[in-house]
Amino acid sequence: MLLLLLLLLLLLLQLLLLLLLLLLLLLLLLLLLLLLLLLLLLLLLLLLLLLLLLLLLLLLLLLLLLLHHHHHHHRHHHHHHHHLFYHVYYYYFYYYCHYYYYFYYYYYYYYYYYYYAAFIFAKHTLY
């Protein structure tokens, strides 16, 4: 009778230990899931930040281009001695921009705008 009781107690203890182990495993799994979720959230936040930075950069570039558009309309009168590739860049910009920005600006302004865009591009590339 005593032996049976002892055996039952041992079985109960074993069951309790198994339950505890299962609970620990479940907790570990939950923690891992939480960590994965946190990592995903961090990645999403980083992606959003990158997108925001890209948008800000694009806006700044647009603002810079618009600012340059209104200034230096007299620049084509000054004939400085430029690098050979400067003129290549200028013609590339002239024709490229003629097709892509034609609808956004008045026809009257397009010459000055593209000239200056080419000037900036060549300046940063060559000097």
N, C-alpha and C. Protein backbone atom coordinates (compact mmCIF):
# COMPACT_ATOMS: atom_id res chain seq x y z
N MET A 1 0.83 -1.20 0.00
CA MET A 1 0.00 0.00 0.00
C MET A 1 0.87 1.26 0.00
N LEU A 2 1.88 1.25 0.81
CA LEU A 2 2.81 2.38 0.93
C LEU A 2 3.63 2.53 -0.34
N LEU A 3 3.99 1.42 -0.90
CA LEU A 3 4.77 1.40 -2.14
C LEU A 3 3.96 1.97 -3.30
N LEU A 4 2.71 1.65 -3.34
CA LEU A 4 1.79 2.13 -4.37
C LEU A 4 1.61 3.64 -4.26
N LEU A 5 1.51 4.11 -3.05
CA LEU A 5 1.36 5.54 -2.78
C LEU A 5 2.62 6.29 -3.20
N LEU A 6 3.74 5.73 -2.92
CA LEU A 6 5.04 6.31 -3.28
C LEU A 6 5.20 6.37 -4.79
N LEU A 7 4.77 5.33 -5.44
CA LEU A 7 4.83 5.25 -6.91
C LEU A 7 3.91 6.29 -7.54
N LEU A 8 2.75 6.46 -6.96
CA LEU A 8 1.77 7.44 -7.42
C LEU A 8 2.31 8.86 -7.25
N LEU A 9 2.97 9.09 -6.14
CA LEU A 9 3.57 10.38 -5.83
C LEU A 9 4.69 10.70 -6.82
N LEU A 10 5.46 9.70 -7.12
CA LEU A 10 6.56 9.84 -8.08
C LEU A 10 6.03 10.15 -9.48
N LEU A 11 4.96 9.49 -9.83
CA LEU A 11 4.31 9.71 -11.13
C LEU A 11 3.75 11.13 -11.22
N LEU A 12 3.16 11.56 -10.14
CA LEU A 12 2.60 12.91 -10.05
C LEU A 12 3.70 13.96 -10.16
N LEU A 13 4.80 13.71 -9.51
CA LEU A 13 5.96 14.60 -9.54
C LEU A 13 6.53 14.70 -10.95
N GLN A 14 6.58 13.55 -11.60
CA GLN A 14 7.08 13.49 -12.97
C GLN A 14 6.17 14.26 -13.93
N LEU A 15 4.89 14.11 -13.72
CA LEU A 15 3.88 14.81 -14.51
C LEU A 15 3.99 16.32 -14.31
N LEU A 16 4.20 16.71 -13.07
CA LEU A 16 4.36 18.11 -12.71
C LEU A 16 5.61 18.70 -13.36
N LEU A 17 6.66 17.93 -13.36
CA LEU A 17 7.93 18.34 -13.96
C LEU A 17 7.77 18.50 -15.48
N LEU A 18 7.06 17.59 -16.08
CA LEU A 18 6.79 17.62 -17.51
C LEU A 18 5.95 18.85 -17.87
N LEU A 19 4.98 19.14 -17.04
CA LEU A 19 4.11 20.29 -17.23
C LEU A 19 4.91 21.59 -17.11
N LEU A 20 5.81 21.62 -16.15
CA LEU A 20 6.68 22.77 -15.93
C LEU A 20 7.61 22.99 -17.12
N LEU A 21 8.13 21.91 -17.64
CA LEU A 21 9.01 21.94 -18.80
C LEU A 21 8.26 22.43 -20.04
N LEU A 22 7.05 21.97 -20.19
CA LEU A 22 6.18 22.37 -21.30
C LEU A 22 5.84 23.86 -21.21
N LEU A 23 5.58 24.31 -20.01
CA LEU A 23 5.28 25.71 -19.75
C LEU A 23 6.48 26.59 -20.07
N LEU A 24 7.65 26.12 -19.70
CA LEU A 24 8.90 26.84 -19.96
C LEU A 24 9.16 26.93 -21.46
N LEU A 25 8.89 25.86 -22.16
CA LEU A 25 9.06 25.80 -23.61
C LEU A 25 8.09 26.76 -24.30
N LEU A 26 6.88 26.80 -23.81
CA LEU A 26 5.85 27.68 -24.34
C LEU A 26 6.23 29.15 -24.11
N LEU A 27 6.78 29.41 -22.95
CA LEU A 27 7.22 30.76 -22.60
C LEU A 27 8.38 31.20 -23.50
N LEU A 28 9.27 30.27 -23.76
CA LEU A 28 10.42 30.53 -24.63
C LEU A 28 9.96 30.80 -26.06
N LEU A 29 9.00 30.05 -26.51
CA LEU A 29 8.42 30.21 -27.84
C LEU A 29 7.73 31.57 -27.97
N LEU A 30 7.02 31.94 -26.93
CA LEU A 30 6.33 33.22 -26.88
C LEU A 30 7.32 34.38 -26.91
N LEU A 31 8.41 34.21 -26.18
CA LEU A 31 9.46 35.22 -26.13
C LEU A 31 10.12 35.38 -27.50
N LEU A 32 10.34 34.26 -28.15
CA LEU A 32 10.94 34.24 -29.49
C LEU A 32 10.02 34.93 -30.50
N LEU A 33 8.74 34.66 -30.38
CA LEU A 33 7.73 35.27 -31.24
C LEU A 33 7.67 36.78 -31.03
N LEU A 34 7.76 37.17 -29.78
CA LEU A 34 7.75 38.59 -29.42
C LEU A 34 8.98 39.30 -29.97
N LEU A 35 10.11 38.62 -29.89
CA LEU A 35 11.37 39.16 -30.40
C LEU A 35 11.32 39.32 -31.92
N LEU A 36 10.73 38.34 -32.57
CA LEU A 36 10.56 38.36 -34.02
C LEU A 36 9.64 39.50 -34.44
N LEU A 37 8.59 39.69 -33.69
CA LEU A 37 7.63 40.76 -33.94
C LEU A 37 8.29 42.13 -33.75
N LEU A 38 9.11 42.23 -32.74
CA LEU A 38 9.83 43.46 -32.44
C LEU A 38 10.83 43.78 -33.55
N LEU A 39 11.48 42.74 -34.04
CA LEU A 39 12.44 42.88 -35.13
C LEU A 39 11.75 43.33 -36.41
N LEU A 40 10.60 42.76 -36.66
CA LEU A 40 9.79 43.11 -37.82
C LEU A 40 9.32 44.56 -37.74
N LEU A 41 8.93 44.96 -36.56
CA LEU A 41 8.47 46.32 -36.32
C LEU A 41 9.62 47.31 -36.52
N LEU A 42 10.80 46.93 -36.06
CA LEU A 42 11.99 47.75 -36.20
C LEU A 42 12.38 47.90 -37.66
N LEU A 43 12.26 46.81 -38.40
CA LEU A 43 12.56 46.80 -39.83
C LEU A 43 11.59 47.69 -40.59
N LEU A 44 10.33 47.62 -40.21
CA LEU A 44 9.28 48.43 -40.82
C LEU A 44 9.51 49.92 -40.54
N LEU A 45 9.93 50.20 -39.32
CA LEU A 45 10.22 51.57 -38.91
C LEU A 45 11.42 52.12 -39.67
N LEU A 46 12.42 51.27 -39.87
CA LEU A 46 13.62 51.65 -40.61
C LEU A 46 13.30 51.92 -42.07
N LEU A 47 12.43 51.11 -42.63
CA LEU A 47 11.99 51.25 -44.02
C LEU A 47 11.21 52.55 -44.19
N LEU A 48 10.37 52.84 -43.22
CA LEU A 48 9.56 54.06 -43.23
C LEU A 48 10.46 55.29 -43.13
N LEU A 49 11.48 55.20 -42.30
CA LEU A 49 12.43 56.29 -42.11
C LEU A 49 13.23 56.53 -43.38
N LEU A 50 13.61 55.44 -44.04
CA LEU A 50 14.36 55.52 -45.30
C LEU A 50 13.51 56.16 -46.39
N LEU A 51 12.24 55.79 -46.42
CA LEU A 51 11.29 56.33 -47.39
C LEU A 51 11.08 57.82 -47.16
N LEU A 52 11.00 58.20 -45.90
CA LEU A 52 10.82 59.59 -45.52
C LEU A 52 12.04 60.42 -45.90
N LEU A 53 13.22 59.84 -45.70
CA LEU A 53 14.47 60.50 -46.04
C LEU A 53 14.60 60.70 -47.54
N LEU A 54 14.18 59.69 -48.28
CA LEU A 54 14.21 59.74 -49.74
C LEU A 54 13.26 60.81 -50.26
N LEU A 55 12.09 60.89 -49.64
CA LEU A 55 11.08 61.88 -50.01
C LEU A 55 11.58 63.29 -49.72
N LEU A 56 12.26 63.44 -48.59
CA LEU A 56 12.81 64.73 -48.19
C LEU A 56 13.92 65.17 -49.14
N LEU A 57 14.74 64.20 -49.54
CA LEU A 57 15.83 64.47 -50.48
C LEU A 57 15.30 64.88 -51.84
N LEU A 58 14.24 64.21 -52.26
CA LEU A 58 13.59 64.50 -53.54
C LEU A 58 12.97 65.90 -53.52
N LEU A 59 12.37 66.23 -52.40
CA LEU A 59 11.75 67.54 -52.22
C LEU A 59 12.79 68.64 -52.23
N LEU A 60 13.93 68.36 -51.59
CA LEU A 60 15.04 69.32 -51.54
C LEU A 60 15.63 69.54 -52.92
N LEU A 61 15.75 68.45 -53.67
CA LEU A 61 16.28 68.52 -55.03
C LEU A 61 15.36 69.33 -55.93
N LEU A 62 14.06 69.10 -55.76
CA LEU A 62 13.05 69.81 -56.55
C LEU A 62 13.08 71.30 -56.22
N LEU A 63 13.25 71.60 -54.94
CA LEU A 63 13.31 72.99 -54.48
C LEU A 63 14.55 73.67 -55.02
N LEU A 64 15.66 72.93 -55.03
CA LEU A 64 16.92 73.45 -55.54
C LEU A 64 16.84 73.73 -57.03
N LEU A 65 16.19 72.82 -57.74
CA LEU A 65 16.02 72.98 -59.19
C LEU A 65 15.12 74.16 -59.50
N LEU A 66 14.08 74.32 -58.69
CA LEU A 66 13.15 75.43 -58.89
C LEU A 66 13.81 76.76 -58.57
N LEU A 67 14.70 76.73 -57.57
CA LEU A 67 15.42 77.93 -57.18
C LEU A 67 16.40 78.35 -58.27
N HIS A 68 17.07 77.34 -58.85
CA HIS A 68 18.03 77.62 -59.90
C HIS A 68 17.35 78.09 -61.18
N HIS A 69 16.12 77.66 -61.34
CA HIS A 69 15.36 78.01 -62.53
C HIS A 69 15.10 79.51 -62.61
N HIS A 70 14.87 80.11 -61.47
CA HIS A 70 14.56 81.54 -61.44
C HIS A 70 15.79 82.44 -61.44
N HIS A 71 16.94 81.86 -61.10
CA HIS A 71 18.16 82.65 -61.06
C HIS A 71 19.02 82.42 -62.30
N HIS A 72 20.02 83.29 -62.45
CA HIS A 72 21.05 83.16 -63.48
C HIS A 72 20.50 83.05 -64.90
N HIS A 73 19.57 83.90 -65.23
CA HIS A 73 19.05 83.89 -66.59
C HIS A 73 20.03 84.51 -67.57
N HIS A 74 21.00 85.26 -67.00
CA HIS A 74 21.96 85.96 -67.84
C HIS A 74 23.20 85.12 -68.11
N ARG A 75 23.27 83.95 -67.48
CA ARG A 75 24.48 83.14 -67.51
C ARG A 75 24.93 82.73 -68.92
N HIS A 76 24.00 82.60 -69.84
CA HIS A 76 24.38 82.15 -71.18
C HIS A 76 25.11 83.23 -71.98
N HIS A 77 25.15 84.46 -71.45
CA HIS A 77 25.89 85.54 -72.11
C HIS A 77 27.38 85.45 -71.82
N HIS A 78 27.71 84.87 -70.68
CA HIS A 78 29.10 84.77 -70.28
C HIS A 78 29.71 83.50 -70.86
N HIS A 79 30.66 83.66 -71.76
CA HIS A 79 31.26 82.48 -72.37
C HIS A 79 32.59 82.16 -71.71
N HIS A 80 32.53 81.30 -70.69
CA HIS A 80 33.75 80.89 -70.02
C HIS A 80 34.36 79.74 -70.79
N HIS A 81 35.65 79.50 -70.54
CA HIS A 81 36.28 78.35 -71.17
C HIS A 81 36.04 77.13 -70.32
N HIS A 82 35.25 76.20 -70.85
CA HIS A 82 34.91 74.99 -70.11
C HIS A 82 35.62 73.78 -70.66
N HIS A 83 35.56 72.73 -69.87
CA HIS A 83 36.05 71.43 -70.27
C HIS A 83 35.24 70.95 -71.47
N LEU A 84 35.84 70.12 -72.30
CA LEU A 84 35.18 69.61 -73.50
C LEU A 84 33.89 68.88 -73.19
N PHE A 85 33.92 68.08 -72.09
CA PHE A 85 32.76 67.28 -71.72
C PHE A 85 31.60 68.13 -71.21
N TYR A 86 31.91 69.36 -70.83
CA TYR A 86 30.88 70.27 -70.36
C TYR A 86 29.81 70.48 -71.44
N HIS A 87 30.27 70.65 -72.67
CA HIS A 87 29.36 70.88 -73.78
C HIS A 87 28.56 69.63 -74.12
N VAL A 88 29.20 68.47 -73.95
CA VAL A 88 28.51 67.20 -74.16
C VAL A 88 27.37 67.07 -73.16
N TYR A 89 27.67 67.38 -71.90
CA TYR A 89 26.67 67.33 -70.85
C TYR A 89 25.55 68.33 -71.12
N TYR A 90 25.97 69.50 -71.62
CA TYR A 90 25.00 70.55 -71.89
C TYR A 90 23.99 70.10 -72.95
N TYR A 91 24.48 69.52 -74.05
CA TYR A 91 23.57 69.09 -75.10
C TYR A 91 22.72 67.91 -74.68
N TYR A 92 23.32 67.03 -73.88
CA TYR A 92 22.56 65.89 -73.35
C TYR A 92 21.40 66.39 -72.50
N PHE A 93 21.71 67.33 -71.62
CA PHE A 93 20.69 67.88 -70.74
C PHE A 93 19.64 68.64 -71.52
N TYR A 94 20.09 69.39 -72.53
CA TYR A 94 19.19 70.20 -73.33
C TYR A 94 18.13 69.34 -74.00
N TYR A 95 18.56 68.25 -74.64
CA TYR A 95 17.60 67.41 -75.34
C TYR A 95 16.80 66.52 -74.41
N TYR A 96 17.46 66.04 -73.36
CA TYR A 96 16.78 65.18 -72.40
C TYR A 96 15.68 65.95 -71.69
N CYS A 97 16.02 67.12 -71.20
CA CYS A 97 15.08 67.95 -70.46
C CYS A 97 13.99 68.51 -71.36
N HIS A 98 14.33 68.70 -72.63
CA HIS A 98 13.34 69.24 -73.56
C HIS A 98 12.15 68.30 -73.66
N TYR A 99 12.43 66.99 -73.64
CA TYR A 99 11.35 66.02 -73.75
C TYR A 99 10.64 65.78 -72.44
N TYR A 100 11.37 65.85 -71.33
CA TYR A 100 10.77 65.46 -70.06
C TYR A 100 10.19 66.60 -69.24
N TYR A 101 10.70 67.81 -69.43
CA TYR A 101 10.21 68.92 -68.61
C TYR A 101 9.44 69.97 -69.41
N TYR A 102 9.20 69.65 -70.66
CA TYR A 102 8.54 70.59 -71.56
C TYR A 102 7.18 71.04 -71.04
N PHE A 103 6.42 70.13 -70.43
CA PHE A 103 5.07 70.45 -69.99
C PHE A 103 5.03 71.22 -68.67
N TYR A 104 6.14 71.23 -67.95
CA TYR A 104 6.13 71.84 -66.63
C TYR A 104 6.54 73.31 -66.64
N TYR A 105 7.17 73.77 -67.70
CA TYR A 105 7.64 75.15 -67.74
C TYR A 105 7.15 75.85 -69.00
N TYR A 106 7.13 77.16 -68.96
CA TYR A 106 6.77 77.93 -70.14
C TYR A 106 7.87 77.78 -71.17
N TYR A 107 7.47 77.82 -72.41
CA TYR A 107 8.41 77.66 -73.52
C TYR A 107 9.47 78.76 -73.48
N TYR A 108 9.08 79.91 -73.00
CA TYR A 108 9.96 81.07 -72.95
C TYR A 108 11.17 80.85 -72.04
N TYR A 109 10.96 80.05 -70.99
CA TYR A 109 12.00 79.87 -69.99
C TYR A 109 12.89 78.66 -70.22
N TYR A 110 12.50 77.76 -71.11
CA TYR A 110 13.14 76.45 -71.12
C TYR A 110 14.64 76.49 -71.41
N TYR A 111 15.08 77.42 -72.25
CA TYR A 111 16.50 77.50 -72.61
C TYR A 111 17.39 77.76 -71.39
N TYR A 112 16.99 78.75 -70.61
CA TYR A 112 17.78 79.13 -69.44
C TYR A 112 17.81 78.02 -68.40
N TYR A 113 16.67 77.41 -68.19
CA TYR A 113 16.54 76.36 -67.18
C TYR A 113 17.43 75.17 -67.49
N TYR A 114 17.40 74.69 -68.71
CA TYR A 114 18.17 73.50 -69.06
C TYR A 114 19.65 73.82 -69.12
N TYR A 115 19.97 75.02 -69.54
CA TYR A 115 21.36 75.44 -69.58
C TYR A 115 21.95 75.39 -68.18
N TYR A 116 21.22 75.94 -67.22
CA TYR A 116 21.74 75.99 -65.86
C TYR A 116 21.78 74.61 -65.22
N ALA A 117 20.81 73.76 -65.54
CA ALA A 117 20.80 72.39 -65.04
C ALA A 117 22.03 71.65 -65.54
N ALA A 118 22.36 71.85 -66.80
CA ALA A 118 23.54 71.23 -67.40
C ALA A 118 24.80 71.78 -66.77
N PHE A 119 24.79 73.08 -66.50
CA PHE A 119 25.93 73.75 -65.88
C PHE A 119 26.23 73.17 -64.50
N ILE A 120 25.20 73.01 -63.68
CA ILE A 120 25.35 72.45 -62.33
C ILE A 120 25.85 71.01 -62.40
N PHE A 121 25.25 70.24 -63.29
CA PHE A 121 25.62 68.83 -63.46
C PHE A 121 27.09 68.69 -63.87
N ALA A 122 27.50 69.51 -64.84
CA ALA A 122 28.87 69.46 -65.33
C ALA A 122 29.85 69.95 -64.28
N LYS A 123 29.45 70.96 -63.54
CA LYS A 123 30.31 71.54 -62.51
C LYS A 123 30.62 70.53 -61.43
N HIS A 124 29.58 69.81 -60.99
CA HIS A 124 29.77 68.82 -59.93
C HIS A 124 30.49 67.58 -60.43
N THR A 125 30.39 67.31 -61.72
CA THR A 125 31.02 66.11 -62.27
C THR A 125 32.48 66.35 -62.61
N LEU A 126 32.78 67.52 -63.12
CA LEU A 126 34.12 67.74 -63.67
C LEU A 126 35.06 68.57 -62.81
N TYR A 127 34.54 69.53 -62.05
CA TYR A 127 35.46 70.40 -61.30
C TYR A 127 35.73 69.87 -59.91
